[in-house]
Amino acid sequence: MDEYQNSGDLIGKKRTNLVIVLASLGSLLALSNWFVVQENHRLRGEVDSLEAFQHTPVGVKLPPLRGKGLDGQDVSISFPAGSQETLVFAFSPSCGHCKETWPAWLELARGCRSKRVVFANVGGQLSEFLKEHRVGDGVLLAHVDPASVLEYHFHATPITLLVTPDGWSKNVWRGEIPAARLEEVKKDVGWRQ
C-alpha cells in the first residue's frame, strides 16, 4: 500500500507542478498581452501625431497666416479678404522642387490679378534664393511663424493653396507643377491672360 501511496503522492506532485507551470505560462501570456496593448496605444499616438503632418485638406477654415516680411516686421494675411481669393505658394529656398515650380507660380500669379498672391517661406535663408527667384507683385512672407506652419500643415514643399475670401481652403496642390499639370491648375484658379 505504501507503494500505491507513494505513486499517488508522485502523481499529485506532478499535477501540482503542472498546474504551477501552466499558471506561470498563463501569467506570462497575460503580461505579454498587456505589453502588446500598451505598445499599440503608444504606436497609435505616434500615428495620430504623424497625421498632423499631412497637408492642408480642402474645405477647412484657416486662421490668419502669420510671419515676418523682408524688413523683419510682422505680417498677417487675414481673412476675410473682401471678395478676393488668396493664392498661397509655400516654399523652402533649399527645395529643388520649389525652384522647379517657381516659373509656374509666377505665371499663375500674373494670370490671377484678381487674387491676393502670397509667397510663404516655410524654412531657409532667402538672400541667395531671391537673387535668382523674383516674387513679382505678390506678398512675401520671408519667414512663416512656426504656429502657422503647423496650422497650415506646411511640412513638405512646394504647396500651392487656394483660399476663399472668408478663409476656407478651396484647393490644394502638393508638389511640383510641371507644364502638363499647369493647365489644370490654371483652370482651377480662374487664370486669365
Protein backbone atom coordinates (compact mmCIF):
# COMPACT_ATOMS: atom_id res chain seq x y z
CA MET A 1 0.00 0.00 0.00
CA ASP A 2 2.88 2.34 0.63
CA GLU A 3 3.90 1.80 -2.94
CA TYR A 4 0.50 2.96 -4.19
CA GLN A 5 0.50 5.87 -1.79
CA ASN A 6 3.98 6.94 -2.95
CA SER A 7 2.92 6.75 -6.61
CA GLY A 8 -0.25 8.75 -5.72
CA ASP A 9 1.89 11.35 -3.99
CA LEU A 10 4.17 11.43 -7.01
CA ILE A 11 1.23 11.89 -9.38
CA GLY A 12 -0.15 14.61 -7.09
CA LYS A 13 3.19 16.41 -7.05
CA LYS A 14 3.41 16.15 -10.86
CA ARG A 15 -0.10 17.56 -11.16
CA THR A 16 0.76 20.36 -8.75
CA ASN A 17 3.93 21.12 -10.70
CA LEU A 18 1.95 21.06 -13.96
CA VAL A 19 -0.63 23.47 -12.51
CA ILE A 20 2.17 25.77 -11.33
CA VAL A 21 3.84 25.70 -14.78
CA LEU A 22 0.53 26.32 -16.57
CA ALA A 23 -0.35 29.16 -14.18
CA SER A 24 3.09 30.70 -14.73
CA LEU A 25 2.72 30.42 -18.50
CA GLY A 26 -0.74 31.99 -18.27
CA SER A 27 0.66 34.86 -16.22
CA LEU A 28 3.47 35.37 -18.72
CA LEU A 29 0.97 35.33 -21.57
CA ALA A 30 -1.26 37.88 -19.78
CA LEU A 31 1.76 40.08 -19.08
CA SER A 32 2.95 39.91 -22.68
CA ASN A 33 -0.58 40.76 -23.89
CA TRP A 34 -0.57 43.77 -21.57
CA PHE A 35 2.75 44.92 -23.08
CA VAL A 36 1.35 44.47 -26.61
CA VAL A 37 -1.71 46.57 -25.73
CA GLN A 38 0.50 49.30 -24.25
CA GLU A 39 2.72 49.29 -27.34
CA ASN A 40 -0.37 49.53 -29.58
CA HIS A 41 -1.54 52.59 -27.62
CA ARG A 42 1.91 54.18 -27.95
CA LEU A 43 2.08 53.48 -31.68
CA ARG A 44 -1.46 54.83 -32.17
CA GLY A 45 -0.29 58.07 -30.57
CA GLU A 46 2.63 58.23 -33.00
CA VAL A 47 0.33 57.62 -35.96
CA ASP A 48 -2.05 60.32 -34.70
CA SER A 49 0.84 62.76 -34.39
CA LEU A 50 2.00 61.88 -37.92
CA GLU A 51 -1.49 62.67 -39.23
CA ALA A 52 -0.85 66.23 -38.10
CA PHE A 53 1.93 66.35 -40.69
CA GLN A 54 -0.44 65.77 -43.58
CA HIS A 55 -1.07 68.66 -45.93
CA THR A 56 -3.90 71.13 -45.57
CA PRO A 57 -7.13 69.41 -46.54
CA VAL A 58 -9.70 71.06 -48.79
CA GLY A 59 -12.70 72.57 -47.03
CA VAL A 60 -11.19 73.66 -43.72
CA LYS A 61 -11.36 77.11 -42.15
CA LEU A 62 -7.88 78.60 -41.94
CA PRO A 63 -6.61 81.12 -39.40
CA PRO A 64 -4.56 84.17 -40.42
CA LEU A 65 -1.21 83.24 -41.97
CA ARG A 66 1.43 84.99 -39.89
CA GLY A 67 5.10 85.64 -40.37
CA LYS A 68 7.77 88.27 -40.97
CA GLY A 69 8.38 90.39 -44.03
CA LEU A 70 11.83 91.01 -45.52
CA ASP A 71 12.11 94.06 -43.27
CA GLY A 72 11.55 91.92 -40.15
CA GLN A 73 8.13 93.44 -39.49
CA ASP A 74 5.17 91.24 -38.57
CA VAL A 75 2.90 90.36 -41.48
CA SER A 76 -0.55 88.82 -41.13
CA ILE A 77 -2.57 87.52 -44.06
CA SER A 78 -6.04 87.53 -42.58
CA PHE A 79 -9.48 86.52 -43.72
CA PRO A 80 -11.97 87.73 -44.74
CA ALA A 81 -10.27 89.38 -47.66
CA GLY A 82 -13.30 91.10 -49.12
CA SER A 83 -14.25 89.32 -52.30
CA GLN A 84 -10.66 88.39 -53.10
CA GLU A 85 -9.40 84.81 -53.07
CA THR A 86 -5.86 84.21 -51.87
CA LEU A 87 -3.31 82.08 -53.67
CA VAL A 88 -0.54 80.88 -51.33
CA PHE A 89 2.71 79.42 -52.61
CA ALA A 90 4.52 77.68 -49.73
CA PHE A 91 8.19 77.05 -50.43
CA SER A 92 11.60 76.50 -48.93
CA PRO A 93 14.65 78.13 -50.55
CA SER A 94 16.59 74.86 -50.36
CA CYS A 95 13.81 72.82 -52.01
CA GLY A 96 14.67 71.76 -55.56
CA HIS A 97 11.02 71.04 -56.35
CA CYS A 98 10.13 74.59 -55.27
CA LYS A 99 12.75 76.00 -57.62
CA GLU A 100 11.33 73.89 -60.46
CA THR A 101 7.81 75.11 -59.65
CA TRP A 102 8.77 78.80 -59.36
CA PRO A 103 8.19 79.68 -63.07
CA ALA A 104 4.73 78.07 -62.92
CA TRP A 105 3.93 80.04 -59.76
CA LEU A 106 4.99 83.30 -61.43
CA GLU A 107 2.79 82.50 -64.42
CA LEU A 108 -0.14 81.72 -62.12
CA ALA A 109 0.45 84.96 -60.20
CA ARG A 110 0.49 87.01 -63.44
CA GLY A 111 -2.81 85.49 -64.56
CA CYS A 112 -4.52 85.83 -61.19
CA ARG A 113 -4.52 89.60 -60.80
CA SER A 114 -7.92 89.45 -59.11
CA LYS A 115 -6.46 87.30 -56.33
CA ARG A 116 -4.14 88.15 -53.47
CA VAL A 117 -0.88 86.22 -54.07
CA VAL A 118 1.33 85.23 -51.14
CA PHE A 119 4.77 83.61 -51.33
CA ALA A 120 5.36 81.92 -47.96
CA ASN A 121 8.88 80.83 -46.98
CA VAL A 122 8.50 77.97 -44.53
CA GLY A 123 12.22 77.43 -43.98
CA GLY A 124 15.65 78.57 -45.01
CA GLN A 125 17.60 81.69 -45.87
CA LEU A 126 16.23 83.90 -48.61
CA SER A 127 19.19 86.12 -49.50
CA GLU A 128 20.75 83.87 -52.17
CA PHE A 129 17.40 82.49 -53.27
CA LEU A 130 15.96 85.93 -54.06
CA LYS A 131 18.95 86.74 -56.28
CA GLU A 132 17.69 84.07 -58.69
CA HIS A 133 13.95 83.95 -57.98
CA ARG A 134 11.77 87.05 -58.04
CA VAL A 135 8.42 87.41 -56.33
CA GLY A 136 6.71 89.90 -58.63
CA ASP A 137 3.68 91.68 -57.20
CA GLY A 138 2.96 89.03 -54.56
CA VAL A 139 3.26 89.46 -50.81
CA LEU A 140 6.38 87.79 -49.45
CA LEU A 141 6.40 86.21 -46.03
CA ALA A 142 10.16 85.94 -45.55
CA HIS A 143 9.64 83.69 -42.55
CA VAL A 144 6.35 81.98 -41.70
CA ASP A 145 5.68 81.67 -37.96
CA PRO A 146 6.06 78.08 -36.70
CA ALA A 147 2.46 78.14 -35.43
CA SER A 148 1.22 78.98 -38.94
CA VAL A 149 3.38 76.23 -40.43
CA LEU A 150 1.59 73.77 -38.14
CA GLU A 151 -1.89 75.25 -38.67
CA TYR A 152 -1.49 75.18 -42.45
CA HIS A 153 0.35 71.83 -42.49
CA PHE A 154 3.27 73.30 -44.45
CA HIS A 155 5.60 70.39 -43.64
CA ALA A 156 6.69 69.46 -47.15
CA THR A 157 7.04 71.83 -50.07
CA PRO A 158 6.06 73.00 -52.59
CA ILE A 159 2.39 73.55 -51.77
CA THR A 160 0.01 75.67 -53.81
CA LEU A 161 -3.09 76.62 -51.82
CA LEU A 162 -6.19 78.49 -52.96
CA VAL A 163 -8.15 80.09 -50.10
CA THR A 164 -11.65 81.57 -50.35
CA PRO A 165 -12.18 85.21 -49.31
CA ASP A 166 -13.60 84.05 -45.96
CA GLY A 167 -10.63 81.77 -45.22
CA TRP A 168 -11.68 78.29 -46.34
CA SER A 169 -9.19 76.11 -48.19
CA LYS A 170 -10.67 75.72 -51.66
CA ASN A 171 -7.99 73.67 -53.39
CA VAL A 172 -4.54 72.30 -52.57
CA TRP A 173 -1.86 71.17 -54.98
CA ARG A 174 1.08 69.29 -53.50
CA GLY A 175 4.44 69.00 -55.15
CA GLU A 176 5.77 70.39 -58.40
CA ILE A 177 3.54 71.91 -61.03
CA PRO A 178 5.04 70.74 -64.32
CA ALA A 179 3.80 72.17 -67.63
CA ALA A 180 1.32 69.33 -68.14
CA ARG A 181 -0.28 69.98 -64.75
CA LEU A 182 -0.13 73.78 -65.03
CA GLU A 183 -3.10 73.97 -67.40
CA GLU A 184 -5.28 72.08 -64.90
CA VAL A 185 -4.21 74.39 -62.07
CA LYS A 186 -4.78 77.50 -64.22
CA LYS A 187 -8.32 76.37 -64.90
CA ASP A 188 -8.98 75.64 -61.21
CA VAL A 189 -7.70 79.03 -60.01
CA GLY A 190 -9.52 81.04 -62.69
CA TRP A 191 -6.39 82.14 -64.51
CA ARG A 192 -6.86 84.97 -67.04
CA GLN A 193 -4.37 86.11 -69.63
